[in-house]
Amino acid sequence: MLKPAYFVENQGAENRHESLMPAMSTLIIIAHVKEGVELARQYNLPRPIIDLIAQHHGTTLVEYFYRRATERKQASPDDPEVDEQTYRYPGPKPATRESAVLMLADAAESASRALTEPTPSRIASLVHDLAMKRLLDGQFDDCGLTLEDLELIEQSLVKSLTAVYHGRVKYPDQRTA
């Protein structure tokens, strides 16, 4: 909220990250969690809401900038080693089932925007991949989420995202608005 121009959904032709080192870009992206928590406290939001804000990325990897950093390292072997921890959100991991749902919903919604043809099968595959990546990364270890819960969450997200991105039939003589 405080640096919207650094988030892809708010960028026009200019990508502010192009002139930054991947570690600096990661710090800017990660900061939105701390800034969100501070804003929530400033506006006296209830503790459960503040916790959701703090936990919505857990300790996940900021993959895009981590990959950029490892690519730079491969191109310049004399550069320092890339520490994966530098490219992870500080956490905490989701502590409730609700925070795990928010984590998945946030990731699925943002990732689905990047799909060129958001068909139901592509959306389902994307949601499943995101869920499995977080499960295998240990993001759900502290929230009591079961595999059955995870399946239901995936189904719900796929249904919602498919409804958002469903194709529309073009009727004869239909004009665009």
Protein backbone atom coordinates (compact mmCIF):
# COMPACT_ATOMS: atom_id res chain seq x y z
CA MET A 1 0.00 0.00 0.00
CA LEU A 2 2.89 2.36 0.68
CA LYS A 3 4.92 1.54 -2.46
CA PRO A 4 2.33 0.43 -5.02
CA ALA A 5 4.52 1.16 -8.06
CA TYR A 6 6.80 -1.74 -7.09
CA PHE A 7 4.04 -4.32 -7.47
CA VAL A 8 3.45 -5.74 -10.94
CA GLU A 9 -0.31 -5.23 -10.87
CA ASN A 10 0.26 -1.49 -10.49
CA GLN A 11 3.06 -1.05 -13.00
CA GLY A 12 2.64 0.53 -16.37
CA ALA A 13 5.44 0.37 -18.90
CA GLU A 14 8.10 1.02 -16.26
CA ASN A 15 9.29 -1.75 -13.94
CA ARG A 16 11.11 -0.12 -11.03
CA HIS A 17 12.83 -3.41 -10.18
CA GLU A 18 14.87 -3.37 -13.41
CA SER A 19 17.32 -0.89 -11.86
CA LEU A 20 17.55 -2.66 -8.50
CA MET A 21 19.53 -5.62 -7.23
CA PRO A 22 17.28 -8.65 -6.56
CA ALA A 23 17.93 -8.47 -2.80
CA MET A 24 16.77 -4.84 -2.68
CA SER A 25 13.65 -5.67 -4.69
CA THR A 26 12.93 -8.49 -2.26
CA LEU A 27 13.22 -6.14 0.73
CA ILE A 28 10.73 -3.75 -0.87
CA ILE A 29 8.25 -6.55 -1.64
CA ILE A 30 8.59 -8.19 1.78
CA ALA A 31 8.12 -4.84 3.53
CA HIS A 32 4.44 -4.76 2.58
CA VAL A 33 3.70 -7.28 5.34
CA LYS A 34 5.35 -5.22 8.09
CA GLU A 35 3.80 -2.04 6.69
CA GLY A 36 0.37 -3.72 6.63
CA VAL A 37 0.74 -4.81 10.24
CA GLU A 38 1.77 -1.27 11.25
CA LEU A 39 -1.23 0.24 9.43
CA ALA A 40 -3.57 -2.29 11.03
CA ARG A 41 -2.24 -1.38 14.49
CA GLN A 42 -2.49 2.34 13.68
CA TYR A 43 -6.18 1.87 12.84
CA ASN A 44 -6.78 -0.37 15.86
CA LEU A 45 -7.83 -3.41 13.87
CA PRO A 46 -8.56 -6.53 15.93
CA ARG A 47 -5.63 -8.81 16.79
CA PRO A 48 -6.91 -11.70 14.59
CA ILE A 49 -6.85 -9.40 11.55
CA ILE A 50 -3.34 -8.22 12.36
CA ASP A 51 -2.27 -11.86 12.67
CA LEU A 52 -3.76 -12.65 9.26
CA ILE A 53 -1.79 -9.79 7.72
CA ALA A 54 1.43 -10.92 9.40
CA GLN A 55 0.99 -14.55 8.36
CA HIS A 56 -0.39 -14.27 4.82
CA HIS A 57 2.99 -15.00 3.19
CA GLY A 58 4.44 -17.13 5.99
CA THR A 59 8.10 -17.79 5.28
CA THR A 60 7.60 -18.38 1.55
CA LEU A 61 10.30 -17.68 -0.97
CA VAL A 62 10.08 -14.58 -3.15
CA GLU A 63 10.83 -16.82 -6.10
CA TYR A 64 11.13 -14.30 -8.92
CA PHE A 65 13.89 -12.31 -7.26
CA TYR A 66 15.57 -15.42 -5.87
CA ARG A 67 15.79 -16.79 -9.42
CA ARG A 68 17.13 -13.46 -10.70
CA ALA A 69 19.80 -13.51 -7.99
CA THR A 70 20.85 -17.08 -8.79
CA GLU A 71 20.99 -16.24 -12.50
CA ARG A 72 23.23 -13.26 -11.75
CA LYS A 73 25.45 -15.49 -9.62
CA GLN A 74 25.78 -18.00 -12.47
CA ALA A 75 26.72 -15.19 -14.85
CA SER A 76 29.24 -13.77 -12.35
CA PRO A 77 30.76 -16.67 -10.36
CA ASP A 78 32.92 -14.27 -8.31
CA ASP A 79 29.83 -12.66 -6.79
CA PRO A 80 28.88 -13.73 -3.24
CA GLU A 81 26.76 -16.86 -2.82
CA VAL A 82 23.00 -16.37 -2.87
CA ASP A 83 21.47 -17.02 0.55
CA GLU A 84 17.92 -18.34 0.15
CA GLN A 85 16.93 -16.88 3.54
CA THR A 86 17.49 -13.38 2.13
CA TYR A 87 14.67 -14.08 -0.32
CA ARG A 88 12.12 -15.42 2.17
CA TYR A 89 9.38 -13.58 4.00
CA PRO A 90 10.19 -13.40 7.73
CA GLY A 91 6.97 -15.11 8.81
CA PRO A 92 5.40 -16.26 10.94
CA LYS A 93 3.87 -19.19 9.12
CA PRO A 94 0.07 -19.43 9.22
CA ALA A 95 -1.05 -20.29 12.74
CA THR A 96 -4.72 -20.88 11.93
CA ARG A 97 -6.63 -22.60 9.18
CA GLU A 98 -8.06 -19.20 8.22
CA SER A 99 -4.59 -17.74 7.71
CA ALA A 100 -3.66 -20.73 5.55
CA VAL A 101 -6.77 -20.14 3.43
CA LEU A 102 -5.80 -16.48 3.07
CA MET A 103 -2.25 -17.45 2.06
CA LEU A 104 -3.54 -19.72 -0.69
CA ALA A 105 -6.24 -17.34 -1.85
CA ASP A 106 -3.76 -14.46 -2.09
CA ALA A 107 -1.23 -16.55 -4.02
CA ALA A 108 -3.83 -18.08 -6.35
CA GLU A 109 -5.52 -14.78 -7.14
CA SER A 110 -2.29 -12.99 -7.97
CA ALA A 111 -0.80 -15.90 -9.95
CA SER A 112 -4.01 -16.44 -11.92
CA ARG A 113 -3.73 -12.89 -13.28
CA ALA A 114 -0.61 -13.98 -15.16
CA LEU A 115 -2.33 -16.86 -16.98
CA THR A 116 -2.62 -16.07 -20.68
CA GLU A 117 -5.60 -18.35 -21.20
CA PRO A 118 -7.19 -18.97 -17.79
CA THR A 119 -9.07 -22.15 -18.64
CA PRO A 120 -10.57 -24.19 -15.79
CA SER A 121 -7.87 -26.86 -16.16
CA ARG A 122 -5.06 -24.30 -16.12
CA ILE A 123 -6.53 -22.61 -13.08
CA ALA A 124 -6.90 -25.98 -11.33
CA SER A 125 -3.32 -26.89 -12.15
CA LEU A 126 -2.03 -23.52 -10.94
CA VAL A 127 -3.96 -23.69 -7.66
CA HIS A 128 -2.81 -27.25 -7.02
CA ASP A 129 0.82 -26.39 -7.75
CA LEU A 130 0.69 -23.40 -5.40
CA ALA A 131 -0.91 -25.47 -2.64
CA MET A 132 1.60 -28.31 -3.00
CA LYS A 133 4.55 -25.94 -3.07
CA ARG A 134 3.43 -24.40 0.22
CA LEU A 135 2.63 -27.77 1.76
CA LEU A 136 6.06 -29.16 0.88
CA ASP A 137 7.71 -25.95 2.07
CA GLY A 138 6.19 -26.51 5.52
CA GLN A 139 3.98 -23.43 5.43
CA PHE A 140 0.99 -25.31 6.89
CA ASP A 141 2.89 -27.05 9.69
CA ASP A 142 1.56 -24.75 12.45
CA CYS A 143 -2.09 -24.26 11.47
CA GLY A 144 -3.82 -27.62 11.84
CA LEU A 145 -4.74 -27.80 8.17
CA THR A 146 -5.45 -31.33 6.97
CA LEU A 147 -4.96 -32.72 3.49
CA GLU A 148 -8.75 -32.97 3.25
CA ASP A 149 -9.01 -29.27 4.14
CA LEU A 150 -6.40 -28.45 1.51
CA GLU A 151 -8.38 -30.31 -1.15
CA LEU A 152 -11.57 -28.42 -0.24
CA ILE A 153 -9.74 -25.08 -0.31
CA GLU A 154 -8.29 -25.89 -3.72
CA GLN A 155 -11.74 -26.81 -5.08
CA SER A 156 -13.24 -23.60 -3.74
CA LEU A 157 -10.46 -21.43 -5.17
CA VAL A 158 -10.70 -23.11 -8.57
CA LYS A 159 -14.47 -22.59 -8.59
CA SER A 160 -14.13 -18.91 -7.65
CA LEU A 161 -11.28 -18.15 -10.06
CA THR A 162 -12.99 -20.02 -12.90
CA ALA A 163 -16.09 -17.88 -12.32
CA VAL A 164 -13.98 -14.71 -12.46
CA TYR A 165 -12.13 -15.71 -15.62
CA HIS A 166 -14.81 -17.66 -17.49
CA GLY A 167 -15.18 -16.90 -21.16
CA ARG A 168 -18.21 -15.16 -22.48
CA VAL A 169 -20.11 -16.05 -25.61
CA LYS A 170 -20.09 -13.25 -28.15
CA TYR A 171 -23.60 -12.81 -29.41
CA PRO A 172 -24.29 -11.86 -33.04
CA ASP A 173 -24.23 -8.10 -33.60
CA GLN A 174 -22.84 -7.54 -30.10
CA ARG A 175 -20.94 -4.29 -29.78
CA THR A 176 -18.24 -3.67 -27.22
CA ALA A 177 -18.90 -1.19 -24.44
